[in-house]
Amino acid sequence: MNIVILDKSTLGADIDLSPIRALGQTVEYEATEADDVAERIADADVVVLNKIKLHAGNLNVARNLQLICVAATGYDNIDITYCRAHDIALCNVPGYSTDSVAQVSVAMALSLASHLTEYRNFVHSGEYTDSGIANRMTPVFHELSSMTWGVVGGGGIGTRVAQIAQALGAKVLVCRRKAEGEFPLTDIDTICRTCDIISLHIPLNDSTRGLISRERIATMKSNAIVINTARGAVTNEQALADAVRKGRIGGLGVDVFSIEPFGTDHPFYAIRDFENVCLTPHMAWGSSEARARCIGKIAENIQCFFAGNPQNQIV
């Protein structure tokens, strides 16, 4: 079995890939440019990837390809229509990063709600020492028990964030497709209009692309904090940046972007130094434990597929 790993560097230098290596001849690339994908997968039976885009333009040369394993839960970077038409299986890894993403999502929200960056900078700059005053109480912050936290997406990650938010004292509202669940359900417009913290935990698809639109952002409270650890394109990034610059929302925490890494022309580049903005490099999914679970599950997906008992198969 020929296994090709296209973007090993996105999995972390510390990760143990031996569960995958044990399954066949493995060729590993730290990163793969778009123009090199076709050549590198041409003889592969199995392709393992994280962020690389696979589509008709590069899959059409992969004459031996039987299985694509994405090191993620989302698979919007894979042309599933092509895979289905050409009998190429696709497996994802659901649930492996629930605790990791929830932890970072809540950490972002707590930091922004408590203005920790501003207070830290006040001390680290020497202003606190020079002030001669024991306390500084601006900017004013509020307790979570006084806030409503809107969770958009009621899957594993969204549910875990909702549980943590409730444990910290916040009132929790959830926007989700399915009616069942332990938290009060509401619609996206009510969440945007009424919630103090809005966190996004939804896949990217035709129905969620641009869900947090300029119009919905305009209805948010002036102190609202928006957290996105889902996919960059579920929001209007330019509209979010504009809202931050104009003081229309209170804070912004984002770990995912429509272009990764984003360039100097991206709307978030201009607000990256704002004290009420927390931008992180798509790391929320990647705790050591989560990445180890992911690699282990990919190895299981490969084994099960070739044993005739596929698991986590999307196509």
Protein backbone atom coordinates (compact mmCIF):
# COMPACT_ATOMS: atom_id res chain seq x y z
CA MET A 1 0.00 0.00 0.00
CA ASN A 2 1.35 3.40 -1.01
CA ILE A 3 0.42 6.14 1.43
CA VAL A 4 1.19 9.81 0.77
CA ILE A 5 0.98 12.49 3.48
CA LEU A 6 0.78 15.87 1.74
CA ASP A 7 1.09 18.46 4.52
CA LYS A 8 2.79 16.85 7.47
CA SER A 9 3.87 20.21 8.95
CA THR A 10 0.26 21.15 9.72
CA LEU A 11 0.08 18.19 12.11
CA GLY A 12 2.94 19.45 14.29
CA ALA A 13 6.60 18.44 14.44
CA ASP A 14 6.04 16.55 17.70
CA ILE A 15 3.34 14.21 16.42
CA ASP A 16 3.98 10.47 16.17
CA LEU A 17 3.01 9.21 12.72
CA SER A 18 4.05 5.61 13.36
CA PRO A 19 0.43 4.29 13.40
CA ILE A 20 0.11 5.38 9.76
CA ARG A 21 3.63 4.41 8.73
CA ALA A 22 3.04 0.87 9.98
CA LEU A 23 0.30 0.33 7.38
CA GLY A 24 2.39 0.62 4.21
CA GLN A 25 5.07 2.45 2.29
CA THR A 26 4.66 6.04 3.39
CA VAL A 27 5.94 9.15 1.61
CA GLU A 28 5.74 12.30 3.70
CA TYR A 29 5.87 15.94 2.58
CA GLU A 30 6.13 18.79 5.03
CA ALA A 31 4.02 20.94 2.71
CA THR A 32 2.74 20.72 -0.84
CA GLU A 33 2.15 23.59 -3.22
CA ALA A 34 -1.01 23.44 -5.33
CA ASP A 35 0.99 22.86 -8.51
CA ASP A 36 2.72 19.81 -7.00
CA VAL A 37 -0.32 17.94 -5.71
CA ALA A 38 -1.08 15.99 -8.88
CA GLU A 39 2.46 14.66 -9.24
CA ARG A 40 2.70 13.63 -5.61
CA ILE A 41 -0.57 11.69 -5.51
CA ALA A 42 -0.26 10.06 -8.95
CA ASP A 43 0.75 6.63 -7.59
CA ALA A 44 -0.89 6.79 -4.17
CA ASP A 45 -3.40 4.25 -2.90
CA VAL A 46 -4.13 6.43 0.13
CA VAL A 47 -3.72 10.19 0.53
CA VAL A 48 -3.58 11.74 3.99
CA LEU A 49 -3.97 15.51 4.19
CA ASN A 50 -5.14 18.34 6.35
CA LYS A 51 -5.60 21.61 4.43
CA ILE A 52 -4.62 20.73 0.84
CA LYS A 53 -7.38 21.11 -1.74
CA LEU A 54 -8.20 18.05 -3.83
CA HIS A 55 -10.34 18.55 -6.92
CA ALA A 56 -10.85 17.29 -10.44
CA GLY A 57 -7.76 19.13 -11.66
CA ASN A 58 -5.39 17.06 -9.51
CA LEU A 59 -7.42 13.96 -8.66
CA ASN A 60 -7.75 13.01 -12.33
CA VAL A 61 -4.13 11.78 -12.44
CA ALA A 62 -4.40 9.66 -9.29
CA ARG A 63 -5.01 6.39 -11.13
CA ASN A 64 -4.54 4.14 -8.07
CA LEU A 65 -6.23 6.29 -5.46
CA GLN A 66 -8.78 4.40 -3.37
CA LEU A 67 -8.99 6.42 -0.14
CA ILE A 68 -8.55 10.01 1.01
CA CYS A 69 -8.13 10.52 4.75
CA VAL A 70 -8.58 14.08 5.94
CA ALA A 71 -6.96 14.91 9.27
CA ALA A 72 -9.98 16.93 10.32
CA THR A 73 -13.70 16.74 10.89
CA GLY A 74 -14.50 19.21 8.10
CA TYR A 75 -13.86 18.23 4.50
CA ASP A 76 -14.83 21.32 2.51
CA ASN A 77 -11.39 21.21 0.83
CA ILE A 78 -12.27 17.93 -0.91
CA ASP A 79 -14.36 17.69 -4.10
CA ILE A 80 -16.76 15.03 -2.90
CA THR A 81 -18.75 15.12 -6.14
CA TYR A 82 -15.65 14.04 -8.07
CA CYS A 83 -14.80 11.41 -5.46
CA ARG A 84 -18.27 9.93 -5.61
CA ALA A 85 -18.26 9.82 -9.41
CA HIS A 86 -14.85 8.13 -9.54
CA ASP A 87 -15.28 5.67 -6.67
CA ILE A 88 -12.74 7.34 -4.37
CA ALA A 89 -13.60 6.96 -0.70
CA LEU A 90 -13.24 9.82 1.78
CA CYS A 91 -12.95 9.40 5.54
CA ASN A 92 -12.85 12.16 8.15
CA VAL A 93 -12.14 12.15 11.89
CA PRO A 94 -15.18 13.31 13.86
CA GLY A 95 -15.03 14.38 17.47
CA TYR A 96 -11.29 14.21 18.07
CA SER A 97 -10.83 17.94 18.78
CA THR A 98 -13.97 18.74 20.78
CA ASP A 99 -12.20 19.51 24.05
CA SER A 100 -9.32 21.34 22.36
CA VAL A 101 -11.49 23.70 20.28
CA ALA A 102 -13.91 24.30 23.14
CA GLN A 103 -11.01 25.20 25.45
CA VAL A 104 -9.57 27.78 23.05
CA SER A 105 -13.00 29.20 22.20
CA VAL A 106 -13.81 29.79 25.85
CA ALA A 107 -10.31 31.11 26.59
CA MET A 108 -10.68 33.70 23.82
CA ALA A 109 -14.09 34.77 25.08
CA LEU A 110 -12.94 35.06 28.69
CA SER A 111 -9.84 37.04 27.76
CA LEU A 112 -11.82 39.50 25.65
CA ALA A 113 -14.68 39.79 28.15
CA SER A 114 -12.22 40.52 30.98
CA HIS A 115 -10.03 42.85 28.87
CA LEU A 116 -6.97 40.86 29.90
CA THR A 117 -4.84 42.18 27.04
CA GLU A 118 -5.43 45.79 28.04
CA TYR A 119 -4.70 45.10 31.72
CA ARG A 120 -1.63 43.02 30.89
CA ASN A 121 -0.27 45.73 28.61
CA PHE A 122 -0.81 48.35 31.32
CA VAL A 123 1.44 46.42 33.68
CA HIS A 124 4.01 45.24 31.13
CA SER A 125 4.47 48.73 29.69
CA GLY A 126 5.50 50.11 33.08
CA GLU A 127 2.45 52.37 33.30
CA TYR A 128 1.19 50.52 36.38
CA THR A 129 4.47 51.08 38.20
CA ASP A 130 4.55 54.74 37.21
CA SER A 131 0.93 55.34 38.20
CA GLY A 132 1.48 55.01 41.94
CA ILE A 133 -2.05 53.61 42.24
CA ALA A 134 -2.72 50.09 43.48
CA ASN A 135 -5.68 49.37 41.19
CA ARG A 136 -6.89 50.20 37.74
CA MET A 137 -10.54 49.58 36.96
CA THR A 138 -10.75 50.64 33.32
CA PRO A 139 -11.75 49.32 30.93
CA VAL A 140 -14.79 48.15 32.85
CA PHE A 141 -15.51 44.44 32.69
CA HIS A 142 -18.59 42.42 33.65
CA GLU A 143 -19.20 39.00 35.13
CA LEU A 144 -20.30 36.17 32.86
CA SER A 145 -23.31 35.66 35.11
CA SER A 146 -24.65 38.94 33.75
CA MET A 147 -24.24 37.84 30.12
CA THR A 148 -26.03 35.79 27.49
CA TRP A 149 -23.80 33.49 25.46
CA GLY A 150 -25.10 32.51 22.05
CA VAL A 151 -23.71 29.30 20.60
CA VAL A 152 -24.16 28.88 16.85
CA GLY A 153 -23.98 25.18 16.08
CA GLY A 154 -25.09 22.44 18.43
CA GLY A 155 -22.71 19.63 17.51
CA GLY A 156 -20.04 18.24 19.79
CA ILE A 157 -17.94 21.40 20.04
CA GLY A 158 -20.88 23.77 20.31
CA THR A 159 -22.46 21.63 23.02
CA ARG A 160 -19.21 21.51 25.00
CA VAL A 161 -18.82 25.30 24.78
CA ALA A 162 -22.43 25.72 25.91
CA GLN A 163 -21.80 23.43 28.89
CA ILE A 164 -18.71 25.39 29.92
CA ALA A 165 -20.45 28.73 29.45
CA GLN A 166 -23.35 27.59 31.61
CA ALA A 167 -20.96 26.27 34.27
CA LEU A 168 -19.32 29.72 34.35
CA GLY A 169 -22.70 31.32 35.03
CA ALA A 170 -23.76 32.64 31.64
CA LYS A 171 -27.25 32.28 30.25
CA VAL A 172 -26.89 30.09 27.15
CA LEU A 173 -28.87 30.11 23.91
CA VAL A 174 -28.13 27.70 21.07
CA CYS A 175 -28.90 27.96 17.37
CA ARG A 176 -28.92 24.51 15.79
CA ARG A 177 -30.76 22.59 13.10
CA LYS A 178 -32.00 19.77 15.30
CA ALA A 179 -34.60 20.40 17.97
CA GLU A 180 -33.16 18.13 20.63
CA GLY A 181 -30.55 19.32 23.11
CA GLU A 182 -30.14 20.47 26.66
CA PHE A 183 -30.11 24.22 25.99
CA PRO A 184 -32.81 26.67 24.89
CA LEU A 185 -32.97 26.93 21.10
CA THR A 186 -33.33 30.11 19.11
CA ASP A 187 -32.63 31.47 15.65
CA ILE A 188 -29.48 33.12 14.33
CA ASP A 189 -31.02 36.61 14.17
CA THR A 190 -32.08 36.49 17.83
CA ILE A 191 -28.57 35.41 18.82
CA CYS A 192 -26.96 38.24 16.84
CA ARG A 193 -29.39 40.80 18.26
CA THR A 194 -29.45 39.79 21.93
CA CYS A 195 -26.28 37.94 22.94
CA ASP A 196 -23.21 39.40 24.64
CA ILE A 197 -20.93 36.61 23.42
CA ILE A 198 -21.52 34.87 20.09
CA SER A 199 -19.40 31.81 19.32
CA LEU A 200 -19.47 29.96 16.00
CA HIS A 201 -19.14 26.16 15.78
CA ILE A 202 -20.63 25.21 12.41
CA PRO A 203 -19.32 23.51 9.27
CA LEU A 204 -18.82 25.47 6.07
CA ASN A 205 -21.40 24.62 3.44
CA ASP A 206 -23.82 26.40 1.12
CA SER A 207 -26.22 27.20 3.97
CA THR A 208 -23.59 28.56 6.39
CA ARG A 209 -21.33 30.51 4.03
CA GLY A 210 -21.55 34.17 5.02
CA LEU A 211 -24.04 33.37 7.79
CA ILE A 212 -22.66 36.17 9.96
CA SER A 213 -23.35 38.83 7.37
CA ARG A 214 -22.84 42.57 7.40
CA GLU A 215 -26.55 42.98 8.06
CA ARG A 216 -26.50 40.64 11.06
CA ILE A 217 -23.33 42.22 12.44
CA ALA A 218 -25.09 45.59 12.30
CA THR A 219 -27.77 44.27 14.70
CA MET A 220 -25.28 43.14 17.35
CA LYS A 221 -24.83 44.89 20.67
CA SER A 222 -22.02 47.44 20.75
CA ASN A 223 -20.27 45.35 23.43
CA ALA A 224 -20.84 41.98 21.71
CA ILE A 225 -17.88 39.62 21.47
CA VAL A 226 -17.69 37.40 18.39
CA ILE A 227 -15.66 34.16 18.51
CA ASN A 228 -15.04 32.12 15.37
CA THR A 229 -13.28 28.75 15.64
CA ALA A 230 -15.36 27.19 12.85
CA ARG A 231 -14.41 28.30 9.32
CA GLY A 232 -13.45 31.78 8.17
CA ALA A 233 -15.99 31.93 5.38
CA VAL A 234 -19.01 31.48 7.68
CA THR A 235 -18.56 35.20 8.40
CA ASN A 236 -18.17 38.34 6.34
CA GLU A 237 -14.59 39.05 7.41
CA GLN A 238 -14.51 42.56 5.97
CA ALA A 239 -17.70 43.46 7.83
CA LEU A 240 -16.27 42.12 11.11
CA ALA A 241 -13.07 44.13 10.65
CA ASP A 242 -15.11 47.24 9.87
CA ALA A 243 -17.23 46.70 12.98
CA VAL A 244 -14.12 46.46 15.15
CA ARG A 245 -12.55 49.58 13.67
CA LYS A 246 -15.74 51.59 14.11
CA GLY A 247 -16.40 50.33 17.66
CA ARG A 248 -19.59 48.63 16.56
CA ILE A 249 -18.76 45.44 18.45
CA GLY A 250 -16.83 44.93 21.66
CA GLY A 251 -14.34 42.24 20.69
CA LEU A 252 -13.31 39.69 18.10
CA GLY A 253 -11.58 36.34 18.55
CA VAL A 254 -10.80 34.33 15.41
CA ASP A 255 -8.77 31.18 14.83
CA VAL A 256 -9.89 30.43 11.26
CA PHE A 257 -9.72 32.49 8.08
CA SER A 258 -11.02 32.29 4.53
CA ILE A 259 -7.39 32.39 3.35
CA GLU A 260 -4.76 30.68 5.51
CA PRO A 261 -2.37 32.20 6.21
CA PHE A 262 -3.98 35.52 5.37
CA GLY A 263 -2.00 38.21 3.57
CA THR A 264 -1.44 41.89 4.20
CA ASP A 265 -4.50 42.67 2.08
CA HIS A 266 -6.81 40.63 4.31
CA PRO A 267 -9.21 42.79 6.36
CA PHE A 268 -7.95 41.31 9.65
CA TYR A 269 -4.35 42.34 8.99
CA ALA A 270 -5.22 45.98 9.67
CA ILE A 271 -6.81 45.19 13.06
CA ARG A 272 -4.35 42.56 14.28
CA ASP A 273 -2.87 44.90 16.91
CA PHE A 274 -6.17 46.08 18.37
CA GLU A 275 -6.40 45.24 22.06
CA ASN A 276 -9.93 43.88 21.66
CA VAL A 277 -8.89 41.50 18.88
CA CYS A 278 -7.43 38.02 19.40
CA LEU A 279 -6.27 36.30 16.20
CA THR A 280 -4.65 32.86 16.39
CA PRO A 281 -3.15 30.69 13.59
CA HIS A 282 -5.79 27.95 13.23
CA MET A 283 -4.45 26.18 16.31
CA ALA A 284 -7.58 25.58 18.37
CA TRP A 285 -8.00 22.01 17.12
CA GLY A 286 -4.42 21.04 17.83
CA SER A 287 -3.80 20.15 21.45
CA SER A 288 -1.27 17.36 21.79
CA GLU A 289 -4.00 14.97 22.88
CA ALA A 290 -6.31 15.93 20.01
CA ARG A 291 -3.63 15.45 17.36
CA ALA A 292 -2.66 12.06 18.77
CA ARG A 293 -6.33 11.00 18.67
CA CYS A 294 -6.57 12.25 15.09
CA ILE A 295 -3.57 10.25 13.85
CA GLY A 296 -4.75 7.14 15.66
CA LYS A 297 -8.20 7.43 14.12
CA ILE A 298 -6.78 7.98 10.62
CA ALA A 299 -4.80 4.75 10.99
CA GLU A 300 -8.00 2.99 12.09
CA ASN A 301 -9.88 4.47 9.12
CA ILE A 302 -7.29 3.07 6.71
CA GLN A 303 -7.25 -0.36 8.35
CA CYS A 304 -11.04 -0.62 8.47
CA PHE A 305 -11.46 0.50 4.88
CA PHE A 306 -9.12 -2.11 3.45
CA ALA A 307 -10.58 -4.76 5.74
CA GLY A 308 -13.95 -4.14 4.11
CA ASN A 309 -15.49 -2.55 7.19
CA PRO A 310 -15.16 1.21 6.58
CA GLN A 311 -15.73 3.72 9.37
CA ASN A 312 -16.17 7.49 9.27
CA GLN A 313 -16.69 7.27 5.50
CA ILE A 314 -18.24 10.36 3.93
CA VAL A 315 -18.18 9.09 0.34
